[in-house]
Amino acid sequence: MTKKLLITIDGPAGAGKTTVSRELADRLGYRYIDTGALYRGVALAAQSRKTDPQNDAELEQLCSELKLDFIRNDMGLRLLSNGADISDLIRTPEITMLASAVSARPVVRHYLLELQRKLGEEKAAVFEGRDMGTVVFPDADIKFFLNASTRERAERRFNELKTNSSQTLDEVQRDIQQRDKNDSTRAVAPLKPAGDAIVIDSTDLTVSQVVERMLSHIE
């Protein structure tokens, strides 16, 4: 493939976006951009500075002093916040829910919109998120929306978290249902497939099967 494409993969929590996006990017030789990590980065900064996630003035001040960068090293793709590696600190249930709250604030979305679009200027990238194909890159070359049943998504997230969390499967499922509700009903950039997105249900598919299906559409 000679043409450089900008590919977006949206979908709810636990649908398999991260694993699929990484593998698809590797297969294409593209950069992988985890935009959800950026919202988690803002959430972690808000938590550490005791910023009110509902206070736009405080969030705007926070964002003006925040520099988020992705780097790739021998540990993979890492997120830096003002130079410090926060990749492991942003993967807790508490930060997950706080990220859902701050992502609904227009001031945070505006701050990250510019950053994400700058990252996409060179194309040859797979952007994973919740509004990549609808808001951030409405003119993306190819858009996917990855979904799965609520129970399947809960089981996947539970298996990811169980070494670092005391949550039960039912608690994880309740968190996912709450996150789905927050993300799909918010006033700004609600979670939904773009009108021209290719929707893939991954409930009964392996990661490789999802990637192969995506590659067939790309080719």
C-alpha atoms as a PDB file:
ATOM      1  CA  MET A   1       0.000   0.000   0.000  1.00  0.00           C
ATOM      2  CA  THR A   2       1.621   3.267  -1.118  1.00  0.00           C
ATOM      3  CA  LYS A   3      -0.998   5.825  -0.089  1.00  0.00           C
ATOM      4  CA  LYS A   4      -0.720   6.931   3.533  1.00  0.00           C
ATOM      5  CA  LEU A   5      -4.076   6.600   5.253  1.00  0.00           C
ATOM      6  CA  LEU A   6      -5.530   8.035   8.410  1.00  0.00           C
ATOM      7  CA  ILE A   7      -7.624   5.310  10.075  1.00  0.00           C
ATOM      8  CA  THR A   8      -9.932   5.773  13.058  1.00  0.00           C
ATOM      9  CA  ILE A   9     -11.246   3.079  15.389  1.00  0.00           C
ATOM     10  CA  ASP A  10     -14.003   4.166  17.788  1.00  0.00           C
ATOM     11  CA  GLY A  11     -16.085   2.141  20.206  1.00  0.00           C
ATOM     12  CA  PRO A  12     -17.089   1.631  23.841  1.00  0.00           C
ATOM     13  CA  ALA A  13     -14.910   0.428  26.712  1.00  0.00           C
ATOM     14  CA  GLY A  14     -13.795  -3.195  26.477  1.00  0.00           C
ATOM     15  CA  ALA A  15     -14.627  -3.673  22.799  1.00  0.00           C
ATOM     16  CA  GLY A  16     -10.989  -4.573  22.081  1.00  0.00           C
ATOM     17  CA  LYS A  17     -10.017  -1.288  20.435  1.00  0.00           C
ATOM     18  CA  THR A  18      -6.550  -1.038  21.961  1.00  0.00           C
ATOM     19  CA  THR A  19      -5.363  -4.547  21.069  1.00  0.00           C
ATOM     20  CA  VAL A  20      -6.899  -4.394  17.590  1.00  0.00           C
ATOM     21  CA  SER A  21      -5.580  -0.894  16.894  1.00  0.00           C
ATOM     22  CA  ARG A  22      -2.044  -1.840  17.892  1.00  0.00           C
ATOM     23  CA  GLU A  23      -2.059  -4.980  15.755  1.00  0.00           C
ATOM     24  CA  LEU A  24      -3.584  -3.183  12.765  1.00  0.00           C
ATOM     25  CA  ALA A  25      -0.975  -0.402  13.036  1.00  0.00           C
ATOM     26  CA  ASP A  26       1.808  -3.007  13.239  1.00  0.00           C
ATOM     27  CA  ARG A  27       0.493  -4.852  10.182  1.00  0.00           C
ATOM     28  CA  LEU A  28       0.360  -1.617   8.189  1.00  0.00           C
ATOM     29  CA  GLY A  29       3.610  -0.188   9.548  1.00  0.00           C
ATOM     30  CA  TYR A  30       1.639   2.784  10.893  1.00  0.00           C
ATOM     31  CA  ARG A  31       1.813   4.772  14.128  1.00  0.00           C
ATOM     32  CA  TYR A  32      -0.719   3.811  16.796  1.00  0.00           C
ATOM     33  CA  ILE A  33      -2.271   6.680  18.785  1.00  0.00           C
ATOM     34  CA  ASP A  34      -4.245   5.849  21.949  1.00  0.00           C
ATOM     35  CA  THR A  35      -6.338   9.002  22.384  1.00  0.00           C
ATOM     36  CA  GLY A  36      -8.088   7.604  25.458  1.00  0.00           C
ATOM     37  CA  ALA A  37      -4.710   7.788  27.207  1.00  0.00           C
ATOM     38  CA  LEU A  38      -4.686  11.549  26.605  1.00  0.00           C
ATOM     39  CA  TYR A  39      -7.995  11.956  28.483  1.00  0.00           C
ATOM     40  CA  ARG A  40      -6.632   9.730  31.227  1.00  0.00           C
ATOM     41  CA  GLY A  41      -3.562  11.973  31.346  1.00  0.00           C
ATOM     42  CA  VAL A  42      -5.756  15.014  31.923  1.00  0.00           C
ATOM     43  CA  ALA A  43      -7.721  13.078  34.559  1.00  0.00           C
ATOM     44  CA  LEU A  44      -4.545  12.072  36.402  1.00  0.00           C
ATOM     45  CA  ALA A  45      -3.339  15.694  36.389  1.00  0.00           C
ATOM     46  CA  ALA A  46      -6.740  16.831  37.678  1.00  0.00           C
ATOM     47  CA  GLN A  47      -6.606  14.247  40.456  1.00  0.00           C
ATOM     48  CA  SER A  48      -3.049  15.115  41.515  1.00  0.00           C
ATOM     49  CA  ARG A  49      -3.807  18.854  41.564  1.00  0.00           C
ATOM     50  CA  LYS A  50      -7.227  18.332  43.175  1.00  0.00           C
ATOM     51  CA  THR A  51      -8.876  20.110  40.226  1.00  0.00           C
ATOM     52  CA  ASP A  52     -12.689  20.029  40.204  1.00  0.00           C
ATOM     53  CA  PRO A  53     -13.627  18.015  37.051  1.00  0.00           C
ATOM     54  CA  GLN A  54     -16.828  20.096  36.743  1.00  0.00           C
ATOM     55  CA  ASN A  55     -15.037  23.473  36.943  1.00  0.00           C
ATOM     56  CA  ASP A  56     -14.170  24.656  33.433  1.00  0.00           C
ATOM     57  CA  ALA A  57     -12.011  27.567  34.628  1.00  0.00           C
ATOM     58  CA  GLU A  58      -9.879  25.235  36.738  1.00  0.00           C
ATOM     59  CA  LEU A  59      -9.667  22.699  33.900  1.00  0.00           C
ATOM     60  CA  GLU A  60      -8.647  25.383  31.402  1.00  0.00           C
ATOM     61  CA  GLN A  61      -5.838  26.489  33.723  1.00  0.00           C
ATOM     62  CA  LEU A  62      -4.786  22.866  34.143  1.00  0.00           C
ATOM     63  CA  CYS A  63      -4.685  22.242  30.385  1.00  0.00           C
ATOM     64  CA  SER A  64      -2.709  25.433  29.728  1.00  0.00           C
ATOM     65  CA  GLU A  65       0.071  24.084  31.975  1.00  0.00           C
ATOM     66  CA  LEU A  66      -0.084  20.487  30.724  1.00  0.00           C
ATOM     67  CA  LYS A  67       2.159  19.027  28.004  1.00  0.00           C
ATOM     68  CA  LEU A  68       1.241  15.509  26.930  1.00  0.00           C
ATOM     69  CA  ASP A  69       3.491  13.545  24.544  1.00  0.00           C
ATOM     70  CA  PHE A  70       3.701  10.003  23.237  1.00  0.00           C
ATOM     71  CA  ILE A  71       7.088   8.332  22.939  1.00  0.00           C
ATOM     72  CA  ARG A  72       8.024   4.813  21.855  1.00  0.00           C
ATOM     73  CA  ASN A  73      10.739   2.967  23.758  1.00  0.00           C
ATOM     74  CA  ASP A  74      11.609  -0.630  24.633  1.00  0.00           C
ATOM     75  CA  MET A  75       8.461  -0.743  26.814  1.00  0.00           C
ATOM     76  CA  GLY A  76       6.236   0.209  23.865  1.00  0.00           C
ATOM     77  CA  LEU A  77       4.119   3.331  23.455  1.00  0.00           C
ATOM     78  CA  ARG A  78       4.411   5.505  26.575  1.00  0.00           C
ATOM     79  CA  LEU A  79       2.581   8.670  27.624  1.00  0.00           C
ATOM     80  CA  LEU A  80       4.549  11.535  29.151  1.00  0.00           C
ATOM     81  CA  SER A  81       2.973  14.311  31.198  1.00  0.00           C
ATOM     82  CA  ASN A  82       5.289  17.311  31.470  1.00  0.00           C
ATOM     83  CA  GLY A  83       8.170  14.916  30.877  1.00  0.00           C
ATOM     84  CA  ALA A  84       7.161  12.236  33.410  1.00  0.00           C
ATOM     85  CA  ASP A  85       6.080   8.757  32.256  1.00  0.00           C
ATOM     86  CA  ILE A  86       2.509   8.251  33.534  1.00  0.00           C
ATOM     87  CA  SER A  87       1.591   5.238  31.388  1.00  0.00           C
ATOM     88  CA  ASP A  88       1.064   2.882  34.332  1.00  0.00           C
ATOM     89  CA  LEU A  89      -0.565   5.441  36.639  1.00  0.00           C
ATOM     90  CA  ILE A  90      -3.507   6.101  34.292  1.00  0.00           C
ATOM     91  CA  ARG A  91      -4.815   2.512  34.196  1.00  0.00           C
ATOM     92  CA  THR A  92      -6.776   2.425  37.468  1.00  0.00           C
ATOM     93  CA  PRO A  93     -10.593   2.192  37.769  1.00  0.00           C
ATOM     94  CA  GLU A  94     -10.616   5.576  39.539  1.00  0.00           C
ATOM     95  CA  ILE A  95      -8.783   7.324  36.685  1.00  0.00           C
ATOM     96  CA  THR A  96     -11.009   5.516  34.171  1.00  0.00           C
ATOM     97  CA  MET A  97     -14.153   7.042  35.680  1.00  0.00           C
ATOM     98  CA  LEU A  98     -12.525  10.455  36.159  1.00  0.00           C
ATOM     99  CA  ALA A  99     -11.437  10.423  32.502  1.00  0.00           C
ATOM    100  CA  SER A 100     -15.066   9.822  31.531  1.00  0.00           C
ATOM    101  CA  ALA A 101     -16.034  12.911  33.551  1.00  0.00           C
ATOM    102  CA  VAL A 102     -13.352  15.263  32.196  1.00  0.00           C
ATOM    103  CA  SER A 103     -13.906  14.075  28.616  1.00  0.00           C
ATOM    104  CA  ALA A 104     -17.407  15.561  28.760  1.00  0.00           C
ATOM    105  CA  ARG A 105     -16.019  19.073  29.400  1.00  0.00           C
ATOM    106  CA  PRO A 106     -15.749  21.213  26.225  1.00  0.00           C
ATOM    107  CA  VAL A 107     -12.580  22.938  27.471  1.00  0.00           C
ATOM    108  CA  VAL A 108     -10.768  19.588  27.754  1.00  0.00           C
ATOM    109  CA  ARG A 109     -12.018  18.385  24.375  1.00  0.00           C
ATOM    110  CA  HIS A 110     -10.880  21.634  22.737  1.00  0.00           C
ATOM    111  CA  TYR A 111      -7.407  21.287  24.263  1.00  0.00           C
ATOM    112  CA  LEU A 112      -7.013  17.677  23.101  1.00  0.00           C
ATOM    113  CA  LEU A 113      -8.657  18.258  19.708  1.00  0.00           C
ATOM    114  CA  GLU A 114      -5.762  20.458  18.596  1.00  0.00           C
ATOM    115  CA  LEU A 115      -3.201  17.986  19.948  1.00  0.00           C
ATOM    116  CA  GLN A 116      -4.848  15.006  18.220  1.00  0.00           C
ATOM    117  CA  ARG A 117      -5.167  16.781  14.874  1.00  0.00           C
ATOM    118  CA  LYS A 118      -1.510  17.764  15.027  1.00  0.00           C
ATOM    119  CA  LEU A 119      -0.600  14.121  15.630  1.00  0.00           C
ATOM    120  CA  GLY A 120      -2.653  13.154  12.558  1.00  0.00           C
ATOM    121  CA  GLU A 121      -1.138  15.621  10.085  1.00  0.00           C
ATOM    122  CA  GLU A 122       1.359  13.110   8.668  1.00  0.00           C
ATOM    123  CA  LYS A 123      -1.296  10.373   8.265  1.00  0.00           C
ATOM    124  CA  ALA A 124      -0.015   6.756   8.236  1.00  0.00           C
ATOM    125  CA  ALA A 125      -1.646   6.396  11.652  1.00  0.00           C
ATOM    126  CA  VAL A 126      -4.356   4.453  13.483  1.00  0.00           C
ATOM    127  CA  PHE A 127      -6.239   6.623  15.980  1.00  0.00           C
ATOM    128  CA  GLU A 128      -8.189   4.817  18.682  1.00  0.00           C
ATOM    129  CA  GLY A 129     -10.855   6.596  20.716  1.00  0.00           C
ATOM    130  CA  ARG A 130     -14.523   7.416  21.059  1.00  0.00           C
ATOM    131  CA  ASP A 131     -15.075  10.362  18.699  1.00  0.00           C
ATOM    132  CA  MET A 132     -12.199  10.012  16.247  1.00  0.00           C
ATOM    133  CA  GLY A 133     -14.392   9.423  13.208  1.00  0.00           C
ATOM    134  CA  THR A 134     -17.219  11.742  14.233  1.00  0.00           C
ATOM    135  CA  VAL A 135     -15.451  14.844  15.591  1.00  0.00           C
ATOM    136  CA  VAL A 136     -11.658  14.765  15.502  1.00  0.00           C
ATOM    137  CA  PHE A 137     -11.162  13.344  12.002  1.00  0.00           C
ATOM    138  CA  PRO A 138     -14.498  13.557  10.141  1.00  0.00           C
ATOM    139  CA  ASP A 139     -12.543  13.289   6.860  1.00  0.00           C
ATOM    140  CA  ALA A 140     -10.516  10.222   7.902  1.00  0.00           C
ATOM    141  CA  ASP A 141      -9.765   7.849   5.024  1.00  0.00           C
ATOM    142  CA  ILE A 142     -11.281   4.827   6.759  1.00  0.00           C
ATOM    143  CA  LYS A 143     -13.416   4.716   9.918  1.00  0.00           C
ATOM    144  CA  PHE A 144     -14.224   1.680  12.012  1.00  0.00           C
ATOM    145  CA  PHE A 145     -16.594   1.324  14.973  1.00  0.00           C
ATOM    146  CA  LEU A 146     -15.781  -1.702  17.121  1.00  0.00           C
ATOM    147  CA  ASN A 147     -18.392  -3.067  19.493  1.00  0.00           C
ATOM    148  CA  ALA A 148     -19.164  -6.197  21.552  1.00  0.00           C
ATOM    149  CA  SER A 149     -21.808  -7.337  24.013  1.00  0.00           C
ATOM    150  CA  THR A 150     -21.735  -5.711  27.452  1.00  0.00           C
ATOM    151  CA  ARG A 151     -20.936  -8.999  29.212  1.00  0.00           C
ATOM    152  CA  GLU A 152     -18.128  -9.839  26.803  1.00  0.00           C
ATOM    153  CA  ARG A 153     -16.626  -6.384  27.243  1.00  0.00           C
ATOM    154  CA  ALA A 154     -16.861  -6.704  31.037  1.00  0.00           C
ATOM    155  CA  GLU A 155     -15.094 -10.076  30.973  1.00  0.00           C
ATOM    156  CA  ARG A 156     -12.292  -8.697  28.806  1.00  0.00           C
ATOM    157  CA  ARG A 157     -11.795  -5.670  31.041  1.00  0.00           C
ATOM    158  CA  PHE A 158     -11.968  -7.853  34.185  1.00  0.00           C
ATOM    159  CA  ASN A 159      -9.207 -10.103  32.820  1.00  0.00           C
ATOM    160  CA  GLU A 160      -7.091  -7.020  32.059  1.00  0.00           C
ATOM    161  CA  LEU A 161      -7.576  -5.538  35.523  1.00  0.00           C
ATOM    162  CA  LYS A 162      -7.578  -8.524  37.845  1.00  0.00           C
ATOM    163  CA  THR A 163      -3.858  -8.387  38.684  1.00  0.00           C
ATOM    164  CA  ASN A 164      -4.124  -4.721  39.725  1.00  0.00           C
ATOM    165  CA  SER A 165      -7.695  -4.447  40.992  1.00  0.00           C
ATOM    166  CA  SER A 166      -9.958  -6.000  43.614  1.00  0.00           C
ATOM    167  CA  GLN A 167     -13.093  -5.384  41.539  1.00  0.00           C
ATOM    168  CA  THR A 168     -15.432  -8.307  40.869  1.00  0.00           C
ATOM    169  CA  LEU A 169     -16.708  -9.095  37.368  1.00  0.00           C
ATOM    170  CA  ASP A 170     -20.138  -7.673  38.238  1.00  0.00           C
ATOM    171  CA  GLU A 171     -18.542  -4.445  39.504  1.00  0.00           C
ATOM    172  CA  VAL A 172     -16.537  -4.129  36.288  1.00  0.00           C
ATOM    173  CA  GLN A 173     -19.726  -4.660  34.272  1.00  0.00           C
ATOM    174  CA  ARG A 174     -21.544  -1.956  36.257  1.00  0.00           C
ATOM    175  CA  ASP A 175     -18.633   0.432  35.640  1.00  0.00           C
ATOM    176  CA  ILE A 176     -18.777  -0.301  31.913  1.00  0.00           C
ATOM    177  CA  GLN A 177     -22.540   0.257  31.810  1.00  0.00           C
ATOM    178  CA  GLN A 178     -22.093   3.570  33.632  1.00  0.00           C
ATOM    179  CA  ARG A 179     -19.267   4.553  31.289  1.00  0.00           C
ATOM    180  CA  ASP A 180     -21.436   3.652  28.271  1.00  0.00           C
ATOM    181  CA  LYS A 181     -24.238   5.830  29.614  1.00  0.00           C
ATOM    182  CA  ASN A 182     -21.892   8.743  30.349  1.00  0.00           C
ATOM    183  CA  ASP A 183     -20.204   8.546  26.942  1.00  0.00           C
ATOM    184  CA  SER A 184     -23.328   8.076  24.824  1.00  0.00           C
ATOM    185  CA  THR A 185     -25.529  10.690  26.508  1.00  0.00           C
ATOM    186  CA  ARG A 186     -23.064  13.555  27.008  1.00  0.00           C
ATOM    187  CA  ALA A 187     -23.904  16.799  25.225  1.00  0.00           C
ATOM    188  CA  VAL A 188     -20.466  17.145  23.618  1.00  0.00           C
ATOM    189  CA  ALA A 189     -19.309  14.503  21.101  1.00  0.00           C
ATOM    190  CA  PRO A 190     -21.424  11.564  22.328  1.00  0.00           C
ATOM    191  CA  LEU A 191     -20.183   8.057  21.571  1.00  0.00           C
ATOM    192  CA  LYS A 192     -21.759   6.805  18.330  1.00  0.00           C
ATOM    193  CA  PRO A 193     -20.601   5.393  14.982  1.00  0.00           C
ATOM    194  CA  ALA A 194     -19.835   7.921  12.255  1.00  0.00           C
ATOM    195  CA  GLY A 195     -22.366   7.787   9.431  1.00  0.00           C
ATOM    196  CA  ASP A 196     -19.753   6.292   7.106  1.00  0.00           C
ATOM    197  CA  ALA A 197     -18.074   4.014   9.680  1.00  0.00           C
ATOM    198  CA  ILE A 198     -17.672   0.273   9.145  1.00  0.00           C
ATOM    199  CA  VAL A 199     -19.244  -1.344  12.221  1.00  0.00           C
ATOM    200  CA  ILE A 200     -17.682  -4.589  13.471  1.00  0.00           C
ATOM    201  CA  ASP A 201     -19.107  -6.678  16.342  1.00  0.00           C
ATOM    202  CA  SER A 202     -16.155  -8.436  17.986  1.00  0.00           C
ATOM    203  CA  THR A 203     -18.165 -10.487  20.520  1.00  0.00           C
ATOM    204  CA  ASP A 204     -17.424 -13.818  18.828  1.00  0.00           C
ATOM    205  CA  LEU A 205     -14.275 -12.838  16.931  1.00  0.00           C
ATOM    206  CA  THR A 206     -10.600 -13.186  17.853  1.00  0.00           C
ATOM    207  CA  VAL A 207      -8.290 -10.183  17.578  1.00  0.00           C
ATOM    208  CA  SER A 208      -6.743 -11.655  14.425  1.00  0.00           C
ATOM    209  CA  GLN A 209     -10.168 -12.137  12.835  1.00  0.00           C
ATOM    210  CA  VAL A 210     -11.108  -8.508  13.552  1.00  0.00           C
ATOM    211  CA  VAL A 211      -7.797  -7.265  12.110  1.00  0.00           C
ATOM    212  CA  GLU A 212      -8.181  -9.415   8.994  1.00  0.00           C
ATOM    213  CA  ARG A 213     -11.690  -8.070   8.482  1.00  0.00           C
ATOM    214  CA  MET A 214     -10.385  -4.507   8.790  1.00  0.00           C
ATOM    215  CA  LEU A 215      -7.525  -5.182   6.375  1.00  0.00           C
ATOM    216  CA  SER A 216      -9.983  -6.541   3.801  1.00  0.00           C
ATOM    217  CA  HIS A 217     -11.895  -3.237   3.941  1.00  0.00           C
ATOM    218  CA  ILE A 218      -8.682  -1.199   3.765  1.00  0.00           C
ATOM    219  CA  GLU A 219      -7.401  -3.083   0.754  1.00  0.00           C
END
